[in-house]
Amino acid sequence: MQRHLDDLARALEHHHWHIIATDENVPGGYSALWQICRYQRLEWRYTLVFEGLDADGILPPAKSYGCHLLEAPVISLYFSKNNPRAWRECLAAFIERLNALPPIYISYKAHRRRPYAV
């Protein structure tokens, strides 16, 4: 849902995460990818993968039902539709787990080889 994407983007920004690239034309059955970084250090990147499949194919990002971190898939977030309180709690826990991640370094060459590169 678009509201979930907006809430996620606001929460990321509030915690000093910056969305530095988005891609909706993603191989592998994903709705979208967002590359995020902290402290405006472009070489410290993580990728959020948005999931959304139904019987007709890949859903657009606004209709995706969750996301996870490509580099650590156990860090995931389900876009709860029916319980706004549970959604806020899950979003806060997701951001807390992101904040606990160590910075990773991706060289420019490695970044350019990835299919979702900017």
Protein backbone atom coordinates (compact mmCIF):
# COMPACT_ATOMS: atom_id res chain seq x y z
CA MET A 1 0.00 0.00 0.00
CA GLN A 2 1.22 3.49 -0.78
CA ARG A 3 0.67 4.55 2.85
CA HIS A 4 3.14 1.89 3.97
CA LEU A 5 5.74 3.07 1.47
CA ASP A 6 5.26 6.68 2.62
CA ASP A 7 5.52 5.67 6.30
CA LEU A 8 8.65 3.64 5.58
CA ALA A 9 10.29 6.49 3.65
CA ARG A 10 9.52 8.95 6.49
CA ALA A 11 10.84 6.56 9.14
CA LEU A 12 14.04 5.96 7.18
CA GLU A 13 14.63 9.68 6.76
CA HIS A 14 13.88 10.34 10.44
CA HIS A 15 16.62 7.86 11.36
CA HIS A 16 19.16 9.33 8.91
CA TRP A 17 18.72 6.71 6.20
CA HIS A 18 18.58 8.14 2.71
CA ILE A 19 16.90 6.53 -0.28
CA ILE A 20 19.52 7.04 -2.94
CA ALA A 21 18.05 4.97 -5.77
CA THR A 22 14.83 3.18 -6.66
CA ASP A 23 14.13 0.67 -9.39
CA GLU A 24 10.79 -0.81 -10.39
CA ASN A 25 12.09 -2.83 -13.33
CA VAL A 26 13.71 -5.57 -11.33
CA PRO A 27 14.50 -9.12 -12.44
CA GLY A 28 13.66 -11.91 -10.04
CA GLY A 29 9.99 -11.26 -9.37
CA TYR A 30 10.35 -8.26 -7.09
CA SER A 31 8.09 -5.21 -7.12
CA ALA A 32 10.93 -2.75 -6.53
CA LEU A 33 14.33 -2.13 -4.99
CA TRP A 34 15.38 0.84 -2.89
CA GLN A 35 19.06 1.44 -2.24
CA ILE A 36 19.54 3.13 1.10
CA CYS A 37 22.55 4.52 2.89
CA ARG A 38 23.34 6.26 6.17
CA TYR A 39 25.28 9.43 6.82
CA GLN A 40 25.22 10.28 3.11
CA ARG A 41 28.11 7.86 2.52
CA LEU A 42 27.31 6.41 -0.87
CA GLU A 43 29.68 3.50 -0.48
CA TRP A 44 27.77 2.19 2.57
CA ARG A 45 24.70 0.78 0.87
CA TYR A 46 21.95 -1.63 1.65
CA THR A 47 19.11 -2.71 -0.61
CA LEU A 48 15.45 -3.03 0.36
CA VAL A 49 13.61 -5.56 -1.81
CA PHE A 50 9.84 -5.11 -2.10
CA GLU A 51 7.80 -8.26 -2.57
CA GLY A 52 4.52 -8.45 -4.42
CA LEU A 53 3.27 -11.32 -6.54
CA ASP A 54 -0.23 -12.45 -7.31
CA ALA A 55 -1.89 -14.68 -9.91
CA ASP A 56 -1.54 -11.96 -12.57
CA GLY A 57 2.17 -11.37 -12.00
CA ILE A 58 4.33 -8.82 -10.23
CA LEU A 59 2.47 -6.13 -8.31
CA PRO A 60 3.51 -2.48 -8.46
CA PRO A 61 5.38 -1.19 -5.39
CA ALA A 62 2.27 0.56 -4.03
CA LYS A 63 0.56 -2.85 -3.84
CA SER A 64 3.53 -4.81 -2.48
CA TYR A 65 2.94 -6.70 0.74
CA GLY A 66 6.34 -6.49 2.40
CA CYS A 67 10.03 -5.89 2.06
CA HIS A 68 13.30 -7.32 3.30
CA LEU A 69 16.94 -6.36 3.29
CA LEU A 70 18.78 -8.05 0.42
CA GLU A 71 22.01 -8.28 2.42
CA ALA A 72 20.22 -9.73 5.48
CA PRO A 73 16.85 -11.26 4.47
CA VAL A 74 15.90 -11.98 8.09
CA ILE A 75 15.42 -8.22 8.47
CA SER A 76 11.98 -7.94 6.96
CA LEU A 77 8.77 -5.95 7.25
CA TYR A 78 5.21 -7.04 6.46
CA PHE A 79 2.82 -4.28 5.42
CA SER A 80 -0.02 -4.98 7.84
CA LYS A 81 -3.36 -3.74 6.48
CA ASN A 82 -5.77 -4.23 9.34
CA ASN A 83 -4.01 -3.03 12.46
CA PRO A 84 -2.41 0.44 12.40
CA ARG A 85 -0.92 -0.03 15.88
CA ALA A 86 0.76 -3.31 14.90
CA TRP A 87 2.05 -1.65 11.71
CA ARG A 88 3.68 1.17 13.67
CA GLU A 89 5.26 -1.31 16.10
CA CYS A 90 6.60 -3.52 13.28
CA LEU A 91 7.94 -0.49 11.42
CA ALA A 92 9.72 0.75 14.55
CA ALA A 93 11.26 -2.70 15.13
CA PHE A 94 12.36 -2.88 11.49
CA ILE A 95 14.07 0.53 11.70
CA GLU A 96 15.70 -0.48 14.98
CA ARG A 97 17.19 -3.56 13.30
CA LEU A 98 18.43 -1.45 10.39
CA ASN A 99 20.03 1.00 12.80
CA ALA A 100 21.93 -1.86 14.45
CA LEU A 101 23.58 -2.93 11.19
CA PRO A 102 27.26 -2.21 10.70
CA PRO A 103 28.18 -0.10 7.69
CA ILE A 104 29.21 -2.12 4.66
CA TYR A 105 31.55 -0.95 1.97
CA ILE A 106 30.65 -1.54 -1.67
CA SER A 107 33.32 -0.54 -4.10
CA TYR A 108 32.35 1.43 -7.16
CA LYS A 109 33.30 -1.48 -9.45
CA ALA A 110 31.22 -4.01 -7.50
CA HIS A 111 28.30 -1.59 -7.46
CA ARG A 112 28.40 -1.14 -11.26
CA ARG A 113 28.29 -4.92 -11.82
CA ARG A 114 24.99 -5.34 -9.98
CA PRO A 115 21.89 -5.47 -12.18
CA TYR A 116 20.08 -2.93 -9.97
CA ALA A 117 22.87 -0.35 -10.04
CA VAL A 118 21.97 3.28 -10.47
